[in-house]
Amino acid sequence: SGAMVERIRFQTYLIFAVLWTTLVYDPL
């Protein structure tokens, strides 16, 4: 989130958080 601050829509960030955790973090 530190790279996105001051400009990304909050609801978009929440969707990103779930997708990224599922598709990137969990496999790694």
mmCIF file of all heavy atoms, coordinates in Angstrom:
data_MODEL
# 
_entry.id   MODEL 
# 
loop_
_atom_site.group_PDB 
_atom_site.id 
_atom_site.type_symbol 
_atom_site.label_atom_id 
_atom_site.label_alt_id 
_atom_site.label_comp_id 
_atom_site.label_asym_id 
_atom_site.label_entity_id 
_atom_site.label_seq_id 
_atom_site.pdbx_PDB_ins_code 
_atom_site.Cartn_x 
_atom_site.Cartn_y 
_atom_site.Cartn_z 
_atom_site.occupancy 
_atom_site.B_iso_or_equiv 
_atom_site.pdbx_formal_charge 
_atom_site.auth_seq_id 
_atom_site.auth_comp_id 
_atom_site.auth_asym_id 
_atom_site.auth_atom_id 
_atom_site.pdbx_PDB_model_num 
ATOM 1   N N   . SER A 1 1  ? 0.816   -1.222  0.000  1.00 0.00 ? 1  SER A N   1 
ATOM 2   C CA  . SER A 1 1  ? 0.000   0.000   0.000  1.00 0.00 ? 1  SER A CA  1 
ATOM 3   C C   . SER A 1 1  ? 0.844   1.264   0.000  1.00 0.00 ? 1  SER A C   1 
ATOM 4   O O   . SER A 1 1  ? 0.397   2.308   -0.477 1.00 0.00 ? 1  SER A O   1 
ATOM 5   C CB  . SER A 1 1  ? -0.952  0.003   1.205  1.00 0.00 ? 1  SER A CB  1 
ATOM 6   O OG  . SER A 1 1  ? -0.238  0.167   2.430  1.00 0.00 ? 1  SER A OG  1 
ATOM 7   N N   . GLY A 1 2  ? 2.072   1.174   0.516  1.00 0.00 ? 2  GLY A N   1 
ATOM 8   C CA  . GLY A 1 2  ? 2.921   2.363   0.553  1.00 0.00 ? 2  GLY A CA  1 
ATOM 9   C C   . GLY A 1 2  ? 3.261   2.920   -0.810 1.00 0.00 ? 2  GLY A C   1 
ATOM 10  O O   . GLY A 1 2  ? 3.614   4.100   -0.935 1.00 0.00 ? 2  GLY A O   1 
ATOM 11  N N   . ALA A 1 3  ? 3.158   2.101   -1.850 1.00 0.00 ? 3  ALA A N   1 
ATOM 12  C CA  . ALA A 1 3  ? 3.411   2.576   -3.210 1.00 0.00 ? 3  ALA A CA  1 
ATOM 13  C C   . ALA A 1 3  ? 2.167   3.187   -3.846 1.00 0.00 ? 3  ALA A C   1 
ATOM 14  O O   . ALA A 1 3  ? 2.248   3.832   -4.888 1.00 0.00 ? 3  ALA A O   1 
ATOM 15  C CB  . ALA A 1 3  ? 3.913   1.425   -4.086 1.00 0.00 ? 3  ALA A CB  1 
ATOM 16  N N   . MET A 1 4  ? 0.997   2.980   -3.219 1.00 0.00 ? 4  MET A N   1 
ATOM 17  C CA  . MET A 1 4  ? -0.277  3.387   -3.815 1.00 0.00 ? 4  MET A CA  1 
ATOM 18  C C   . MET A 1 4  ? -0.920  4.576   -3.110 1.00 0.00 ? 4  MET A C   1 
ATOM 19  O O   . MET A 1 4  ? -1.948  5.070   -3.571 1.00 0.00 ? 4  MET A O   1 
ATOM 20  C CB  . MET A 1 4  ? -1.265  2.214   -3.743 1.00 0.00 ? 4  MET A CB  1 
ATOM 21  C CG  . MET A 1 4  ? -0.798  0.915   -4.363 1.00 0.00 ? 4  MET A CG  1 
ATOM 22  S SD  . MET A 1 4  ? -2.002  -0.398  -3.971 1.00 0.00 ? 4  MET A SD  1 
ATOM 23  C CE  . MET A 1 4  ? -1.485  -1.696  -5.073 1.00 0.00 ? 4  MET A CE  1 
ATOM 24  N N   . VAL A 1 5  ? -0.346  4.992   -2.003 1.00 0.00 ? 5  VAL A N   1 
ATOM 25  C CA  . VAL A 1 5  ? -1.022  5.974   -1.144 1.00 0.00 ? 5  VAL A CA  1 
ATOM 26  C C   . VAL A 1 5  ? -1.347  7.258   -1.886 1.00 0.00 ? 5  VAL A C   1 
ATOM 27  O O   . VAL A 1 5  ? -0.684  7.631   -2.838 1.00 0.00 ? 5  VAL A O   1 
ATOM 28  C CB  . VAL A 1 5  ? -0.177  6.293   0.111  1.00 0.00 ? 5  VAL A CB  1 
ATOM 29  C CG1 . VAL A 1 5  ? -0.086  5.087   1.030  1.00 0.00 ? 5  VAL A CG1 1 
ATOM 30  C CG2 . VAL A 1 5  ? 1.220   6.788   -0.283 1.00 0.00 ? 5  VAL A CG2 1 
ATOM 31  N N   . GLU A 1 6  ? -2.406  7.892   -1.414 1.00 0.00 ? 6  GLU A N   1 
ATOM 32  C CA  . GLU A 1 6  ? -2.869  9.208   -1.842 1.00 0.00 ? 6  GLU A CA  1 
ATOM 33  C C   . GLU A 1 6  ? -3.574  9.216   -3.191 1.00 0.00 ? 6  GLU A C   1 
ATOM 34  O O   . GLU A 1 6  ? -3.957  10.273  -3.680 1.00 0.00 ? 6  GLU A O   1 
ATOM 35  C CB  . GLU A 1 6  ? -1.734  10.254  -1.843 1.00 0.00 ? 6  GLU A CB  1 
ATOM 36  C CG  . GLU A 1 6  ? -1.086  10.444  -0.483 1.00 0.00 ? 6  GLU A CG  1 
ATOM 37  C CD  . GLU A 1 6  ? -0.174  11.665  -0.419 1.00 0.00 ? 6  GLU A CD  1 
ATOM 38  O OE1 . GLU A 1 6  ? 0.062   12.291  -1.467 1.00 0.00 ? 6  GLU A OE1 1 
ATOM 39  O OE2 . GLU A 1 6  ? 0.283   12.001  0.687  1.00 0.00 ? 6  GLU A OE2 1 
ATOM 40  N N   . ARG A 1 7  ? -3.773  8.002   -3.812 1.00 0.00 ? 7  ARG A N   1 
ATOM 41  C CA  . ARG A 1 7  ? -4.417  8.057   -5.122 1.00 0.00 ? 7  ARG A CA  1 
ATOM 42  C C   . ARG A 1 7  ? -5.279  6.854   -5.492 1.00 0.00 ? 7  ARG A C   1 
ATOM 43  O O   . ARG A 1 7  ? -6.125  6.971   -6.369 1.00 0.00 ? 7  ARG A O   1 
ATOM 44  C CB  . ARG A 1 7  ? -3.375  8.295   -6.217 1.00 0.00 ? 7  ARG A CB  1 
ATOM 45  C CG  . ARG A 1 7  ? -2.284  7.236   -6.320 1.00 0.00 ? 7  ARG A CG  1 
ATOM 46  C CD  . ARG A 1 7  ? -1.093  7.857   -7.038 1.00 0.00 ? 7  ARG A CD  1 
ATOM 47  N NE  . ARG A 1 7  ? -0.038  6.928   -7.418 1.00 0.00 ? 7  ARG A NE  1 
ATOM 48  C CZ  . ARG A 1 7  ? 0.923   6.516   -6.603 1.00 0.00 ? 7  ARG A CZ  1 
ATOM 49  N NH1 . ARG A 1 7  ? 0.934   6.913   -5.340 1.00 0.00 ? 7  ARG A NH1 1 
ATOM 50  N NH2 . ARG A 1 7  ? 1.873   5.717   -7.036 1.00 0.00 ? 7  ARG A NH2 1 
ATOM 51  N N   . ILE A 1 8  ? -5.127  5.689   -4.882 1.00 0.00 ? 8  ILE A N   1 
ATOM 52  C CA  . ILE A 1 8  ? -5.929  4.534   -5.271 1.00 0.00 ? 8  ILE A CA  1 
ATOM 53  C C   . ILE A 1 8  ? -7.245  4.512   -4.510 1.00 0.00 ? 8  ILE A C   1 
ATOM 54  O O   . ILE A 1 8  ? -7.308  4.865   -3.329 1.00 0.00 ? 8  ILE A O   1 
ATOM 55  C CB  . ILE A 1 8  ? -5.162  3.212   -5.042 1.00 0.00 ? 8  ILE A CB  1 
ATOM 56  C CG1 . ILE A 1 8  ? -5.912  2.036   -5.675 1.00 0.00 ? 8  ILE A CG1 1 
ATOM 57  C CG2 . ILE A 1 8  ? -4.926  2.970   -3.564 1.00 0.00 ? 8  ILE A CG2 1 
ATOM 58  C CD1 . ILE A 1 8  ? -5.117  0.747   -5.716 1.00 0.00 ? 8  ILE A CD1 1 
ATOM 59  N N   . ARG A 1 9  ? -8.326  4.139   -5.192 1.00 0.00 ? 9  ARG A N   1 
ATOM 60  C CA  . ARG A 1 9  ? -9.629  4.020   -4.539 1.00 0.00 ? 9  ARG A CA  1 
ATOM 61  C C   . ARG A 1 9  ? -9.567  2.909   -3.497 1.00 0.00 ? 9  ARG A C   1 
ATOM 62  O O   . ARG A 1 9  ? -8.994  1.844   -3.730 1.00 0.00 ? 9  ARG A O   1 
ATOM 63  C CB  . ARG A 1 9  ? -10.723 3.722   -5.557 1.00 0.00 ? 9  ARG A CB  1 
ATOM 64  C CG  . ARG A 1 9  ? -10.942 4.814   -6.578 1.00 0.00 ? 9  ARG A CG  1 
ATOM 65  C CD  . ARG A 1 9  ? -12.012 4.406   -7.575 1.00 0.00 ? 9  ARG A CD  1 
ATOM 66  N NE  . ARG A 1 9  ? -13.331 4.378   -6.959 1.00 0.00 ? 9  ARG A NE  1 
ATOM 67  C CZ  . ARG A 1 9  ? -14.310 3.568   -7.359 1.00 0.00 ? 9  ARG A CZ  1 
ATOM 68  N NH1 . ARG A 1 9  ? -14.105 2.697   -8.333 1.00 0.00 ? 9  ARG A NH1 1 
ATOM 69  N NH2 . ARG A 1 9  ? -15.481 3.601   -6.770 1.00 0.00 ? 9  ARG A NH2 1 
ATOM 70  N N   . PHE A 1 10 ? -10.161 3.141   -2.351 1.00 0.00 ? 10 PHE A N   1 
ATOM 71  C CA  . PHE A 1 10 ? -10.049 2.206   -1.246 1.00 0.00 ? 10 PHE A CA  1 
ATOM 72  C C   . PHE A 1 10 ? -10.680 0.860   -1.583 1.00 0.00 ? 10 PHE A C   1 
ATOM 73  O O   . PHE A 1 10 ? -10.102 -0.194  -1.304 1.00 0.00 ? 10 PHE A O   1 
ATOM 74  C CB  . PHE A 1 10 ? -10.698 2.808   0.005  1.00 0.00 ? 10 PHE A CB  1 
ATOM 75  C CG  . PHE A 1 10 ? -10.534 1.965   1.238  1.00 0.00 ? 10 PHE A CG  1 
ATOM 76  C CD1 . PHE A 1 10 ? -9.277  1.753   1.784  1.00 0.00 ? 10 PHE A CD1 1 
ATOM 77  C CD2 . PHE A 1 10 ? -11.633 1.381   1.850  1.00 0.00 ? 10 PHE A CD2 1 
ATOM 78  C CE1 . PHE A 1 10 ? -9.123  0.972   2.931  1.00 0.00 ? 10 PHE A CE1 1 
ATOM 79  C CE2 . PHE A 1 10 ? -11.484 0.605   2.994  1.00 0.00 ? 10 PHE A CE2 1 
ATOM 80  C CZ  . PHE A 1 10 ? -10.221 0.403   3.527  1.00 0.00 ? 10 PHE A CZ  1 
ATOM 81  N N   . GLN A 1 11 ? -11.839 0.871   -2.209 1.00 0.00 ? 11 GLN A N   1 
ATOM 82  C CA  . GLN A 1 11 ? -12.497 -0.395  -2.534 1.00 0.00 ? 11 GLN A CA  1 
ATOM 83  C C   . GLN A 1 11 ? -11.690 -1.175  -3.569 1.00 0.00 ? 11 GLN A C   1 
ATOM 84  O O   . GLN A 1 11 ? -11.645 -2.411  -3.535 1.00 0.00 ? 11 GLN A O   1 
ATOM 85  C CB  . GLN A 1 11 ? -13.923 -0.159  -3.011 1.00 0.00 ? 11 GLN A CB  1 
ATOM 86  C CG  . GLN A 1 11 ? -14.065 0.691   -4.256 1.00 0.00 ? 11 GLN A CG  1 
ATOM 87  C CD  . GLN A 1 11 ? -15.510 0.893   -4.632 1.00 0.00 ? 11 GLN A CD  1 
ATOM 88  O OE1 . GLN A 1 11 ? -16.136 0.010   -5.236 1.00 0.00 ? 11 GLN A OE1 1 
ATOM 89  N NE2 . GLN A 1 11 ? -16.066 2.044   -4.277 1.00 0.00 ? 11 GLN A NE2 1 
ATOM 90  N N   . THR A 1 12 ? -11.025 -0.476  -4.464 1.00 0.00 ? 12 THR A N   1 
ATOM 91  C CA  . THR A 1 12 ? -10.162 -1.146  -5.443 1.00 0.00 ? 12 THR A CA  1 
ATOM 92  C C   . THR A 1 12 ? -8.977  -1.800  -4.742 1.00 0.00 ? 12 THR A C   1 
ATOM 93  O O   . THR A 1 12 ? -8.579  -2.925  -5.071 1.00 0.00 ? 12 THR A O   1 
ATOM 94  C CB  . THR A 1 12 ? -9.658  -0.141  -6.491 1.00 0.00 ? 12 THR A CB  1 
ATOM 95  O OG1 . THR A 1 12 ? -10.775 0.478   -7.141 1.00 0.00 ? 12 THR A OG1 1 
ATOM 96  C CG2 . THR A 1 12 ? -8.785  -0.825  -7.529 1.00 0.00 ? 12 THR A CG2 1 
ATOM 97  N N   . TYR A 1 13 ? -8.411  -1.101  -3.769 1.00 0.00 ? 13 TYR A N   1 
ATOM 98  C CA  . TYR A 1 13 ? -7.294  -1.668  -3.011 1.00 0.00 ? 13 TYR A CA  1 
ATOM 99  C C   . TYR A 1 13 ? -7.721  -2.934  -2.268 1.00 0.00 ? 13 TYR A C   1 
ATOM 100 O O   . TYR A 1 13 ? -6.960  -3.911  -2.211 1.00 0.00 ? 13 TYR A O   1 
ATOM 101 C CB  . TYR A 1 13 ? -6.754  -0.635  -2.023 1.00 0.00 ? 13 TYR A CB  1 
ATOM 102 C CG  . TYR A 1 13 ? -5.797  -1.226  -1.014 1.00 0.00 ? 13 TYR A CG  1 
ATOM 103 C CD1 . TYR A 1 13 ? -4.509  -1.597  -1.378 1.00 0.00 ? 13 TYR A CD1 1 
ATOM 104 C CD2 . TYR A 1 13 ? -6.200  -1.444  0.307  1.00 0.00 ? 13 TYR A CD2 1 
ATOM 105 C CE1 . TYR A 1 13 ? -3.638  -2.174  -0.462 1.00 0.00 ? 13 TYR A CE1 1 
ATOM 106 C CE2 . TYR A 1 13 ? -5.337  -2.003  1.235  1.00 0.00 ? 13 TYR A CE2 1 
ATOM 107 C CZ  . TYR A 1 13 ? -4.054  -2.368  0.840  1.00 0.00 ? 13 TYR A CZ  1 
ATOM 108 O OH  . TYR A 1 13 ? -3.198  -2.939  1.751  1.00 0.00 ? 13 TYR A OH  1 
ATOM 109 N N   . LEU A 1 14 ? -8.919  -2.951  -1.718 1.00 0.00 ? 14 LEU A N   1 
ATOM 110 C CA  . LEU A 1 14 ? -9.386  -4.137  -0.999 1.00 0.00 ? 14 LEU A CA  1 
ATOM 111 C C   . LEU A 1 14 ? -9.525  -5.336  -1.933 1.00 0.00 ? 14 LEU A C   1 
ATOM 112 O O   . LEU A 1 14 ? -9.149  -6.460  -1.574 1.00 0.00 ? 14 LEU A O   1 
ATOM 113 C CB  . LEU A 1 14 ? -10.725 -3.840  -0.311 1.00 0.00 ? 14 LEU A CB  1 
ATOM 114 C CG  . LEU A 1 14 ? -10.704 -2.786  0.799  1.00 0.00 ? 14 LEU A CG  1 
ATOM 115 C CD1 . LEU A 1 14 ? -12.091 -2.637  1.412  1.00 0.00 ? 14 LEU A CD1 1 
ATOM 116 C CD2 . LEU A 1 14 ? -9.678  -3.122  1.870  1.00 0.00 ? 14 LEU A CD2 1 
ATOM 117 N N   . ILE A 1 15 ? -10.054 -5.103  -3.125 1.00 0.00 ? 15 ILE A N   1 
ATOM 118 C CA  . ILE A 1 15 ? -10.150 -6.197  -4.095 1.00 0.00 ? 15 ILE A CA  1 
ATOM 119 C C   . ILE A 1 15 ? -8.757  -6.668  -4.483 1.00 0.00 ? 15 ILE A C   1 
ATOM 120 O O   . ILE A 1 15 ? -8.488  -7.876  -4.573 1.00 0.00 ? 15 ILE A O   1 
ATOM 121 C CB  . ILE A 1 15 ? -10.933 -5.738  -5.343 1.00 0.00 ? 15 ILE A CB  1 
ATOM 122 C CG1 . ILE A 1 15 ? -12.363 -5.352  -4.959 1.00 0.00 ? 15 ILE A CG1 1 
ATOM 123 C CG2 . ILE A 1 15 ? -10.946 -6.832  -6.409 1.00 0.00 ? 15 ILE A CG2 1 
ATOM 124 C CD1 . ILE A 1 15 ? -13.141 -4.673  -6.075 1.00 0.00 ? 15 ILE A CD1 1 
ATOM 125 N N   . PHE A 1 16 ? -7.854  -5.713  -4.688 1.00 0.00 ? 16 PHE A N   1 
ATOM 126 C CA  . PHE A 1 16 ? -6.466  -6.058  -5.016 1.00 0.00 ? 16 PHE A CA  1 
ATOM 127 C C   . PHE A 1 16 ? -5.844  -6.909  -3.909 1.00 0.00 ? 16 PHE A C   1 
ATOM 128 O O   . PHE A 1 16 ? -5.144  -7.888  -4.192 1.00 0.00 ? 16 PHE A O   1 
ATOM 129 C CB  . PHE A 1 16 ? -5.645  -4.776  -5.210 1.00 0.00 ? 16 PHE A CB  1 
ATOM 130 C CG  . PHE A 1 16 ? -4.170  -5.016  -5.322 1.00 0.00 ? 16 PHE A CG  1 
ATOM 131 C CD1 . PHE A 1 16 ? -3.595  -5.365  -6.538 1.00 0.00 ? 16 PHE A CD1 1 
ATOM 132 C CD2 . PHE A 1 16 ? -3.334  -4.901  -4.208 1.00 0.00 ? 16 PHE A CD2 1 
ATOM 133 C CE1 . PHE A 1 16 ? -2.225  -5.603  -6.643 1.00 0.00 ? 16 PHE A CE1 1 
ATOM 134 C CE2 . PHE A 1 16 ? -1.979  -5.138  -4.302 1.00 0.00 ? 16 PHE A CE2 1 
ATOM 135 C CZ  . PHE A 1 16 ? -1.411  -5.495  -5.523 1.00 0.00 ? 16 PHE A CZ  1 
ATOM 136 N N   . ALA A 1 17 ? -6.100  -6.549  -2.651 1.00 0.00 ? 17 ALA A N   1 
ATOM 137 C CA  . ALA A 1 17 ? -5.502  -7.267  -1.523 1.00 0.00 ? 17 ALA A CA  1 
ATOM 138 C C   . ALA A 1 17 ? -5.893  -8.734  -1.532 1.00 0.00 ? 17 ALA A C   1 
ATOM 139 O O   . ALA A 1 17 ? -5.053  -9.625  -1.322 1.00 0.00 ? 17 ALA A O   1 
ATOM 140 C CB  . ALA A 1 17 ? -5.911  -6.610  -0.205 1.00 0.00 ? 17 ALA A CB  1 
ATOM 141 N N   . VAL A 1 18 ? -7.169  -9.020  -1.783 1.00 0.00 ? 18 VAL A N   1 
ATOM 142 C CA  . VAL A 1 18 ? -7.625  -10.415 -1.797 1.00 0.00 ? 18 VAL A CA  1 
ATOM 143 C C   . VAL A 1 18 ? -7.041  -11.164 -2.990 1.00 0.00 ? 18 VAL A C   1 
ATOM 144 O O   . VAL A 1 18 ? -6.536  -12.286 -2.853 1.00 0.00 ? 18 VAL A O   1 
ATOM 145 C CB  . VAL A 1 18 ? -9.167  -10.475 -1.825 1.00 0.00 ? 18 VAL A CB  1 
ATOM 146 C CG1 . VAL A 1 18 ? -9.638  -11.913 -1.981 1.00 0.00 ? 18 VAL A CG1 1 
ATOM 147 C CG2 . VAL A 1 18 ? -9.740  -9.885  -0.541 1.00 0.00 ? 18 VAL A CG2 1 
ATOM 148 N N   . LEU A 1 19 ? -7.106  -10.548 -4.170 1.00 0.00 ? 19 LEU A N   1 
ATOM 149 C CA  . LEU A 1 19 ? -6.596  -11.210 -5.365 1.00 0.00 ? 19 LEU A CA  1 
ATOM 150 C C   . LEU A 1 19 ? -5.098  -11.448 -5.278 1.00 0.00 ? 19 LEU A C   1 
ATOM 151 O O   . LEU A 1 19 ? -4.600  -12.528 -5.619 1.00 0.00 ? 19 LEU A O   1 
ATOM 152 C CB  . LEU A 1 19 ? -6.937  -10.382 -6.607 1.00 0.00 ? 19 LEU A CB  1 
ATOM 153 C CG  . LEU A 1 19 ? -8.416  -10.289 -6.979 1.00 0.00 ? 19 LEU A CG  1 
ATOM 154 C CD1 . LEU A 1 19 ? -8.602  -9.349  -8.166 1.00 0.00 ? 19 LEU A CD1 1 
ATOM 155 C CD2 . LEU A 1 19 ? -8.981  -11.666 -7.292 1.00 0.00 ? 19 LEU A CD2 1 
ATOM 156 N N   . TRP A 1 20 ? -4.367  -10.446 -4.821 1.00 0.00 ? 20 TRP A N   1 
ATOM 157 C CA  . TRP A 1 20 ? -2.910  -10.569 -4.773 1.00 0.00 ? 20 TRP A CA  1 
ATOM 158 C C   . TRP A 1 20 ? -2.484  -11.633 -3.756 1.00 0.00 ? 20 TRP A C   1 
ATOM 159 O O   . TRP A 1 20 ? -1.590  -12.435 -4.031 1.00 0.00 ? 20 TRP A O   1 
ATOM 160 C CB  . TRP A 1 20 ? -2.270  -9.226  -4.424 1.00 0.00 ? 20 TRP A CB  1 
ATOM 161 C CG  . TRP A 1 20 ? -0.784  -9.230  -4.607 1.00 0.00 ? 20 TRP A CG  1 
ATOM 162 C CD1 . TRP A 1 20 ? -0.086  -8.929  -5.735 1.00 0.00 ? 20 TRP A CD1 1 
ATOM 163 C CD2 . TRP A 1 20 ? 0.205   -9.560  -3.613 1.00 0.00 ? 20 TRP A CD2 1 
ATOM 164 N NE1 . TRP A 1 20 ? 1.269   -9.053  -5.523 1.00 0.00 ? 20 TRP A NE1 1 
ATOM 165 C CE2 . TRP A 1 20 ? 1.477   -9.432  -4.231 1.00 0.00 ? 20 TRP A CE2 1 
ATOM 166 C CE3 . TRP A 1 20 ? 0.137   -9.928  -2.272 1.00 0.00 ? 20 TRP A CE3 1 
ATOM 167 C CZ2 . TRP A 1 20 ? 2.660   -9.686  -3.550 1.00 0.00 ? 20 TRP A CZ2 1 
ATOM 168 C CZ3 . TRP A 1 20 ? 1.320   -10.181 -1.595 1.00 0.00 ? 20 TRP A CZ3 1 
ATOM 169 C CH2 . TRP A 1 20 ? 2.566   -10.067 -2.224 1.00 0.00 ? 20 TRP A CH2 1 
ATOM 170 N N   . THR A 1 21 ? -3.130  -11.660 -2.619 1.00 0.00 ? 21 THR A N   1 
ATOM 171 C CA  . THR A 1 21 ? -2.789  -12.669 -1.615 1.00 0.00 ? 21 THR A CA  1 
ATOM 172 C C   . THR A 1 21 ? -3.058  -14.068 -2.144 1.00 0.00 ? 21 THR A C   1 
ATOM 173 O O   . THR A 1 21 ? -2.251  -14.990 -1.949 1.00 0.00 ? 21 THR A O   1 
ATOM 174 C CB  . THR A 1 21 ? -3.588  -12.431 -0.327 1.00 0.00 ? 21 THR A CB  1 
ATOM 175 O OG1 . THR A 1 21 ? -3.299  -11.118 0.178  1.00 0.00 ? 21 THR A OG1 1 
ATOM 176 C CG2 . THR A 1 21 ? -3.223  -13.452 0.744  1.00 0.00 ? 21 THR A CG2 1 
ATOM 177 N N   . THR A 1 22 ? -4.169  -14.242 -2.845 1.00 0.00 ? 22 THR A N   1 
ATOM 178 C CA  . THR A 1 22 ? -4.538  -15.557 -3.360 1.00 0.00 ? 22 THR A CA  1 
ATOM 179 C C   . THR A 1 22 ? -3.650  -15.996 -4.516 1.00 0.00 ? 22 THR A C   1 
ATOM 180 O O   . THR A 1 22 ? -3.228  -17.157 -4.586 1.00 0.00 ? 22 THR A O   1 
ATOM 181 C CB  . THR A 1 22 ? -6.006  -15.555 -3.813 1.00 0.00 ? 22 THR A CB  1 
ATOM 182 O OG1 . THR A 1 22 ? -6.839  -15.141 -2.718 1.00 0.00 ? 22 THR A OG1 1 
ATOM 183 C CG2 . THR A 1 22 ? -6.441  -16.931 -4.285 1.00 0.00 ? 22 THR A CG2 1 
ATOM 184 N N   . LEU A 1 23 ? -3.333  -15.074 -5.412 1.00 0.00 ? 23 LEU A N   1 
ATOM 185 C CA  . LEU A 1 23 ? -2.645  -15.431 -6.654 1.00 0.00 ? 23 LEU A CA  1 
ATOM 186 C C   . LEU A 1 23 ? -1.127  -15.287 -6.585 1.00 0.00 ? 23 LEU A C   1 
ATOM 187 O O   . LEU A 1 23 ? -0.416  -15.877 -7.416 1.00 0.00 ? 23 LEU A O   1 
ATOM 188 C CB  . LEU A 1 23 ? -3.184  -14.580 -7.816 1.00 0.00 ? 23 LEU A CB  1 
ATOM 189 C CG  . LEU A 1 23 ? -4.682  -14.731 -8.113 1.00 0.00 ? 23 LEU A CG  1 
ATOM 190 C CD1 . LEU A 1 23 ? -5.098  -13.789 -9.232 1.00 0.00 ? 23 LEU A CD1 1 
ATOM 191 C CD2 . LEU A 1 23 ? -5.019  -16.177 -8.463 1.00 0.00 ? 23 LEU A CD2 1 
ATOM 192 N N   . VAL A 1 24 ? -0.630  -14.499 -5.624 1.00 0.00 ? 24 VAL A N   1 
ATOM 193 C CA  . VAL A 1 24 ? 0.820   -14.293 -5.530 1.00 0.00 ? 24 VAL A CA  1 
ATOM 194 C C   . VAL A 1 24 ? 1.378   -14.814 -4.204 1.00 0.00 ? 24 VAL A C   1 
ATOM 195 O O   . VAL A 1 24 ? 2.260   -15.685 -4.186 1.00 0.00 ? 24 VAL A O   1 
ATOM 196 C CB  . VAL A 1 24 ? 1.197   -12.796 -5.700 1.00 0.00 ? 24 VAL A CB  1 
ATOM 197 C CG1 . VAL A 1 24 ? 2.712   -12.611 -5.561 1.00 0.00 ? 24 VAL A CG1 1 
ATOM 198 C CG2 . VAL A 1 24 ? 0.734   -12.279 -7.053 1.00 0.00 ? 24 VAL A CG2 1 
ATOM 199 N N   . TYR A 1 25 ? 0.864   -14.312 -3.092 1.00 0.00 ? 25 TYR A N   1 
ATOM 200 C CA  . TYR A 1 25 ? 1.445   -14.679 -1.805 1.00 0.00 ? 25 TYR A CA  1 
ATOM 201 C C   . TYR A 1 25 ? 1.288   -16.166 -1.501 1.00 0.00 ? 25 TYR A C   1 
ATOM 202 O O   . TYR A 1 25 ? 2.266   -16.830 -1.122 1.00 0.00 ? 25 TYR A O   1 
ATOM 203 C CB  . TYR A 1 25 ? 0.822   -13.858 -0.672 1.00 0.00 ? 25 TYR A CB  1 
ATOM 204 C CG  . TYR A 1 25 ? 1.436   -14.203 0.674  1.00 0.00 ? 25 TYR A CG  1 
ATOM 205 C CD1 . TYR A 1 25 ? 2.608   -13.589 1.102  1.00 0.00 ? 25 TYR A CD1 1 
ATOM 206 C CD2 . TYR A 1 25 ? 0.861   -15.171 1.507  1.00 0.00 ? 25 TYR A CD2 1 
ATOM 207 C CE1 . TYR A 1 25 ? 3.195   -13.924 2.309  1.00 0.00 ? 25 TYR A CE1 1 
ATOM 208 C CE2 . TYR A 1 25 ? 1.449   -15.510 2.712  1.00 0.00 ? 25 TYR A CE2 1 
ATOM 209 C CZ  . TYR A 1 25 ? 2.610   -14.882 3.109  1.00 0.00 ? 25 TYR A CZ  1 
ATOM 210 O OH  . TYR A 1 25 ? 3.194   -15.235 4.297  1.00 0.00 ? 25 TYR A OH  1 
ATOM 211 N N   . ASP A 1 26 ? 0.094   -16.687 -1.655 1.00 0.00 ? 26 ASP A N   1 
ATOM 212 C CA  . ASP A 1 26 ? -0.132  -18.093 -1.300 1.00 0.00 ? 26 ASP A CA  1 
ATOM 213 C C   . ASP A 1 26 ? 0.747   -19.046 -2.113 1.00 0.00 ? 26 ASP A C   1 
ATOM 214 O O   . ASP A 1 26 ? 1.370   -19.955 -1.540 1.00 0.00 ? 26 ASP A O   1 
ATOM 215 C CB  . ASP A 1 26 ? -1.612  -18.444 -1.457 1.00 0.00 ? 26 ASP A CB  1 
ATOM 216 C CG  . ASP A 1 26 ? -2.496  -17.719 -0.451 1.00 0.00 ? 26 ASP A CG  1 
ATOM 217 O OD1 . ASP A 1 26 ? -1.953  -17.161 0.519  1.00 0.00 ? 26 ASP A OD1 1 
ATOM 218 O OD2 . ASP A 1 26 ? -3.727  -17.695 -0.647 1.00 0.00 ? 26 ASP A OD2 1 
ATOM 219 N N   . PRO A 1 27 ? 0.838   -18.893 -3.437 1.00 0.00 ? 27 PRO A N   1 
ATOM 220 C CA  . PRO A 1 27 ? 1.745   -19.770 -4.182 1.00 0.00 ? 27 PRO A CA  1 
ATOM 221 C C   . PRO A 1 27 ? 3.204   -19.622 -3.765 1.00 0.00 ? 27 PRO A C   1 
ATOM 222 O O   . PRO A 1 27 ? 3.916   -20.630 -3.624 1.00 0.00 ? 27 PRO A O   1 
ATOM 223 C CB  . PRO A 1 27 ? 1.540   -19.333 -5.640 1.00 0.00 ? 27 PRO A CB  1 
ATOM 224 C CG  . PRO A 1 27 ? 0.164   -18.769 -5.669 1.00 0.00 ? 27 PRO A CG  1 
ATOM 225 C CD  . PRO A 1 27 ? 0.006   -18.084 -4.347 1.00 0.00 ? 27 PRO A CD  1 
ATOM 226 N N   . LEU A 1 28 ? 3.676   -18.389 -3.558 1.00 0.00 ? 28 LEU A N   1 
ATOM 227 C CA  . LEU A 1 28 ? 5.072   -18.206 -3.156 1.00 0.00 ? 28 LEU A CA  1 
ATOM 228 C C   . LEU A 1 28 ? 5.354   -18.853 -1.805 1.00 0.00 ? 28 LEU A C   1 
ATOM 229 O O   . LEU A 1 28 ? 6.406   -19.479 -1.609 1.00 0.00 ? 28 LEU A O   1 
ATOM 230 C CB  . LEU A 1 28 ? 5.413   -16.716 -3.102 1.00 0.00 ? 28 LEU A CB  1 
ATOM 231 C CG  . LEU A 1 28 ? 5.686   -16.030 -4.442 1.00 0.00 ? 28 LEU A CG  1 
ATOM 232 C CD1 . LEU A 1 28 ? 5.845   -14.528 -4.242 1.00 0.00 ? 28 LEU A CD1 1 
ATOM 233 C CD2 . LEU A 1 28 ? 6.919   -16.617 -5.113 1.00 0.00 ? 28 LEU A CD2 1 
# 
